[in-house]
Amino acid sequence: MSDKKPVNAKEIQPKATATPVPKLTKAIMPVPGVQQAAPQIQGQPFDFSKVHRTMVALEWKWASAEDGIPTEPEIRETARRLMEDAINKKVSIGTGGFRVHYDKKDDFISLSFVISEWDETF
């Protein structure tokens, strides 16, 4: 048996960052009653250009991207595919920094690009 004391999850503290992390979120799209082949974001447009600039600055690479760091069209296509999957499967889903939250109760989805996050639930 080990002499190591188990870590209490409440003792874990997130590390502070020297600079604030930009919050790149939230274009909300109502889930239509009839499934569409390509969902269209309504309201304020999602800033895919900002996502691309951030990925270039952070040298954030995707294995699926032809040149490592995805192009803006590759980023848009990934977001579109994730939104379609979230609607069709009625689940929240994410990959490569993107998160699509599917809210069954209010019947909408939200698209976010997450750089850093901390959550604590017990």
C-alpha atoms as a PDB file:
ATOM      1  CA  MET A   1       0.000   0.000   0.000  1.00  0.00           C
ATOM      2  CA  SER A   2       1.112   3.501  -0.687  1.00  0.00           C
ATOM      3  CA  ASP A   3       1.781   6.116   1.983  1.00  0.00           C
ATOM      4  CA  LYS A   4       0.391   8.836  -0.284  1.00  0.00           C
ATOM      5  CA  LYS A   5      -2.636  10.671   1.028  1.00  0.00           C
ATOM      6  CA  PRO A   6      -5.513  10.919  -1.503  1.00  0.00           C
ATOM      7  CA  VAL A   7      -5.997  14.407  -2.890  1.00  0.00           C
ATOM      8  CA  ASN A   8      -9.192  16.073  -1.834  1.00  0.00           C
ATOM      9  CA  ALA A   9     -10.777  17.575  -4.963  1.00  0.00           C
ATOM     10  CA  LYS A  10     -11.742  20.723  -3.015  1.00  0.00           C
ATOM     11  CA  GLU A  11      -8.035  21.378  -2.310  1.00  0.00           C
ATOM     12  CA  ILE A  12      -7.251  21.660  -6.024  1.00  0.00           C
ATOM     13  CA  GLN A  13      -7.066  25.280  -7.084  1.00  0.00           C
ATOM     14  CA  PRO A  14      -6.940  26.484 -10.685  1.00  0.00           C
ATOM     15  CA  LYS A  15      -3.737  28.300 -11.599  1.00  0.00           C
ATOM     16  CA  ALA A  16      -4.131  31.999 -12.239  1.00  0.00           C
ATOM     17  CA  THR A  17      -3.055  33.248 -15.629  1.00  0.00           C
ATOM     18  CA  ALA A  18      -0.931  36.351 -16.101  1.00  0.00           C
ATOM     19  CA  THR A  19      -3.215  37.710 -18.813  1.00  0.00           C
ATOM     20  CA  PRO A  20      -6.958  37.401 -19.110  1.00  0.00           C
ATOM     21  CA  VAL A  21      -8.164  34.778 -21.554  1.00  0.00           C
ATOM     22  CA  PRO A  22     -10.432  36.177 -24.264  1.00  0.00           C
ATOM     23  CA  LYS A  23     -13.940  34.806 -24.174  1.00  0.00           C
ATOM     24  CA  LEU A  24     -14.923  33.672 -27.635  1.00  0.00           C
ATOM     25  CA  THR A  25     -18.501  32.567 -27.412  1.00  0.00           C
ATOM     26  CA  LYS A  26     -21.816  32.419 -28.172  1.00  0.00           C
ATOM     27  CA  ALA A  27     -23.850  32.498 -31.265  1.00  0.00           C
ATOM     28  CA  ILE A  28     -27.230  31.026 -30.380  1.00  0.00           C
ATOM     29  CA  MET A  29     -29.304  29.155 -32.903  1.00  0.00           C
ATOM     30  CA  PRO A  30     -32.863  27.958 -32.250  1.00  0.00           C
ATOM     31  CA  VAL A  31     -33.359  24.312 -33.132  1.00  0.00           C
ATOM     32  CA  PRO A  32     -35.910  24.239 -35.949  1.00  0.00           C
ATOM     33  CA  GLY A  33     -38.838  21.814 -35.941  1.00  0.00           C
ATOM     34  CA  VAL A  34     -37.660  20.477 -39.290  1.00  0.00           C
ATOM     35  CA  GLN A  35     -34.032  19.400 -39.574  1.00  0.00           C
ATOM     36  CA  GLN A  36     -32.015  21.487 -42.018  1.00  0.00           C
ATOM     37  CA  ALA A  37     -29.064  20.127 -43.990  1.00  0.00           C
ATOM     38  CA  ALA A  38     -26.840  23.037 -42.929  1.00  0.00           C
ATOM     39  CA  PRO A  39     -27.846  24.991 -39.817  1.00  0.00           C
ATOM     40  CA  GLN A  40     -27.674  28.761 -40.127  1.00  0.00           C
ATOM     41  CA  ILE A  41     -26.622  30.843 -37.148  1.00  0.00           C
ATOM     42  CA  GLN A  42     -29.171  33.541 -36.391  1.00  0.00           C
ATOM     43  CA  GLY A  43     -28.580  36.791 -34.542  1.00  0.00           C
ATOM     44  CA  GLN A  44     -25.049  37.986 -33.891  1.00  0.00           C
ATOM     45  CA  PRO A  45     -22.614  36.164 -36.202  1.00  0.00           C
ATOM     46  CA  PHE A  46     -19.941  33.949 -34.691  1.00  0.00           C
ATOM     47  CA  ASP A  47     -16.457  35.433 -35.229  1.00  0.00           C
ATOM     48  CA  PHE A  48     -14.639  32.596 -37.020  1.00  0.00           C
ATOM     49  CA  SER A  49     -11.903  35.024 -38.026  1.00  0.00           C
ATOM     50  CA  LYS A  50     -11.130  35.686 -34.341  1.00  0.00           C
ATOM     51  CA  VAL A  51     -10.993  31.932 -33.703  1.00  0.00           C
ATOM     52  CA  HIS A  52      -8.551  31.508 -36.602  1.00  0.00           C
ATOM     53  CA  ARG A  53      -6.325  34.401 -35.429  1.00  0.00           C
ATOM     54  CA  THR A  54      -6.294  32.914 -31.921  1.00  0.00           C
ATOM     55  CA  MET A  55      -5.350  29.462 -33.213  1.00  0.00           C
ATOM     56  CA  VAL A  56      -2.522  30.943 -35.297  1.00  0.00           C
ATOM     57  CA  ALA A  57      -1.231  32.974 -32.321  1.00  0.00           C
ATOM     58  CA  LEU A  58      -1.318  29.903 -30.047  1.00  0.00           C
ATOM     59  CA  GLU A  59      -0.034  27.580 -32.795  1.00  0.00           C
ATOM     60  CA  TRP A  60      -3.099  25.437 -32.085  1.00  0.00           C
ATOM     61  CA  LYS A  61      -3.007  22.515 -34.503  1.00  0.00           C
ATOM     62  CA  TRP A  62      -5.581  19.957 -35.521  1.00  0.00           C
ATOM     63  CA  ALA A  63      -4.519  16.526 -36.743  1.00  0.00           C
ATOM     64  CA  SER A  64      -7.260  16.714 -39.358  1.00  0.00           C
ATOM     65  CA  ALA A  65      -6.101  20.082 -40.748  1.00  0.00           C
ATOM     66  CA  GLU A  66      -4.130  19.870 -43.972  1.00  0.00           C
ATOM     67  CA  ASP A  67      -1.385  22.236 -42.734  1.00  0.00           C
ATOM     68  CA  GLY A  68      -1.648  21.610 -38.971  1.00  0.00           C
ATOM     69  CA  ILE A  69      -3.271  24.903 -37.999  1.00  0.00           C
ATOM     70  CA  PRO A  70      -6.739  24.863 -39.590  1.00  0.00           C
ATOM     71  CA  THR A  71      -7.800  27.444 -42.139  1.00  0.00           C
ATOM     72  CA  GLU A  72     -10.907  29.536 -41.538  1.00  0.00           C
ATOM     73  CA  PRO A  73     -12.935  27.373 -43.979  1.00  0.00           C
ATOM     74  CA  GLU A  74     -11.808  24.223 -42.093  1.00  0.00           C
ATOM     75  CA  ILE A  75     -12.831  25.888 -38.811  1.00  0.00           C
ATOM     76  CA  ARG A  76     -16.253  26.843 -40.223  1.00  0.00           C
ATOM     77  CA  GLU A  77     -16.829  23.326 -41.580  1.00  0.00           C
ATOM     78  CA  THR A  78     -15.951  21.739 -38.221  1.00  0.00           C
ATOM     79  CA  ALA A  79     -18.338  24.076 -36.386  1.00  0.00           C
ATOM     80  CA  ARG A  80     -21.114  23.357 -38.934  1.00  0.00           C
ATOM     81  CA  ARG A  81     -20.596  19.596 -38.585  1.00  0.00           C
ATOM     82  CA  LEU A  82     -20.665  19.816 -34.771  1.00  0.00           C
ATOM     83  CA  MET A  83     -23.884  21.855 -34.825  1.00  0.00           C
ATOM     84  CA  GLU A  84     -25.519  19.329 -37.160  1.00  0.00           C
ATOM     85  CA  ASP A  85     -24.407  16.445 -34.917  1.00  0.00           C
ATOM     86  CA  ALA A  86     -25.716  18.211 -31.799  1.00  0.00           C
ATOM     87  CA  ILE A  87     -29.117  18.787 -33.436  1.00  0.00           C
ATOM     88  CA  ASN A  88     -29.431  15.327 -34.971  1.00  0.00           C
ATOM     89  CA  LYS A  89     -28.244  13.438 -31.865  1.00  0.00           C
ATOM     90  CA  LYS A  90     -29.764  15.898 -29.358  1.00  0.00           C
ATOM     91  CA  VAL A  91     -26.514  16.048 -27.353  1.00  0.00           C
ATOM     92  CA  SER A  92     -23.823  18.547 -26.426  1.00  0.00           C
ATOM     93  CA  ILE A  93     -20.619  17.853 -28.327  1.00  0.00           C
ATOM     94  CA  GLY A  94     -17.180  19.349 -28.875  1.00  0.00           C
ATOM     95  CA  THR A  95     -13.773  18.973 -30.479  1.00  0.00           C
ATOM     96  CA  GLY A  96     -10.692  21.059 -31.256  1.00  0.00           C
ATOM     97  CA  GLY A  97     -11.696  23.882 -28.907  1.00  0.00           C
ATOM     98  CA  PHE A  98     -15.279  24.086 -30.141  1.00  0.00           C
ATOM     99  CA  ARG A  99     -18.199  23.211 -27.924  1.00  0.00           C
ATOM    100  CA  VAL A 100     -21.801  23.006 -29.027  1.00  0.00           C
ATOM    101  CA  HIS A 101     -24.202  22.939 -26.108  1.00  0.00           C
ATOM    102  CA  TYR A 102     -27.605  21.442 -26.852  1.00  0.00           C
ATOM    103  CA  ASP A 103     -30.301  22.560 -24.420  1.00  0.00           C
ATOM    104  CA  LYS A 104     -33.310  20.217 -24.597  1.00  0.00           C
ATOM    105  CA  LYS A 105     -35.408  22.235 -22.171  1.00  0.00           C
ATOM    106  CA  ASP A 106     -35.206  25.551 -24.038  1.00  0.00           C
ATOM    107  CA  ASP A 107     -34.733  23.973 -27.483  1.00  0.00           C
ATOM    108  CA  PHE A 108     -31.587  25.799 -28.622  1.00  0.00           C
ATOM    109  CA  ILE A 109     -27.884  25.250 -29.230  1.00  0.00           C
ATOM    110  CA  SER A 110     -24.932  27.511 -28.493  1.00  0.00           C
ATOM    111  CA  LEU A 111     -21.523  27.489 -30.151  1.00  0.00           C
ATOM    112  CA  SER A 112     -18.389  28.367 -28.164  1.00  0.00           C
ATOM    113  CA  PHE A 113     -14.669  28.247 -28.786  1.00  0.00           C
ATOM    114  CA  VAL A 114     -13.012  27.475 -25.455  1.00  0.00           C
ATOM    115  CA  ILE A 115      -9.381  28.256 -24.712  1.00  0.00           C
ATOM    116  CA  SER A 116      -9.377  27.664 -20.979  1.00  0.00           C
ATOM    117  CA  GLU A 117     -12.005  26.551 -18.504  1.00  0.00           C
ATOM    118  CA  TRP A 118     -12.326  25.415 -14.917  1.00  0.00           C
ATOM    119  CA  ASP A 119     -15.334  23.768 -13.371  1.00  0.00           C
ATOM    120  CA  GLU A 120     -15.913  22.417  -9.898  1.00  0.00           C
ATOM    121  CA  THR A 121     -18.984  20.375  -9.074  1.00  0.00           C
ATOM    122  CA  PHE A 122     -19.376  18.014  -6.140  1.00  0.00           C
END
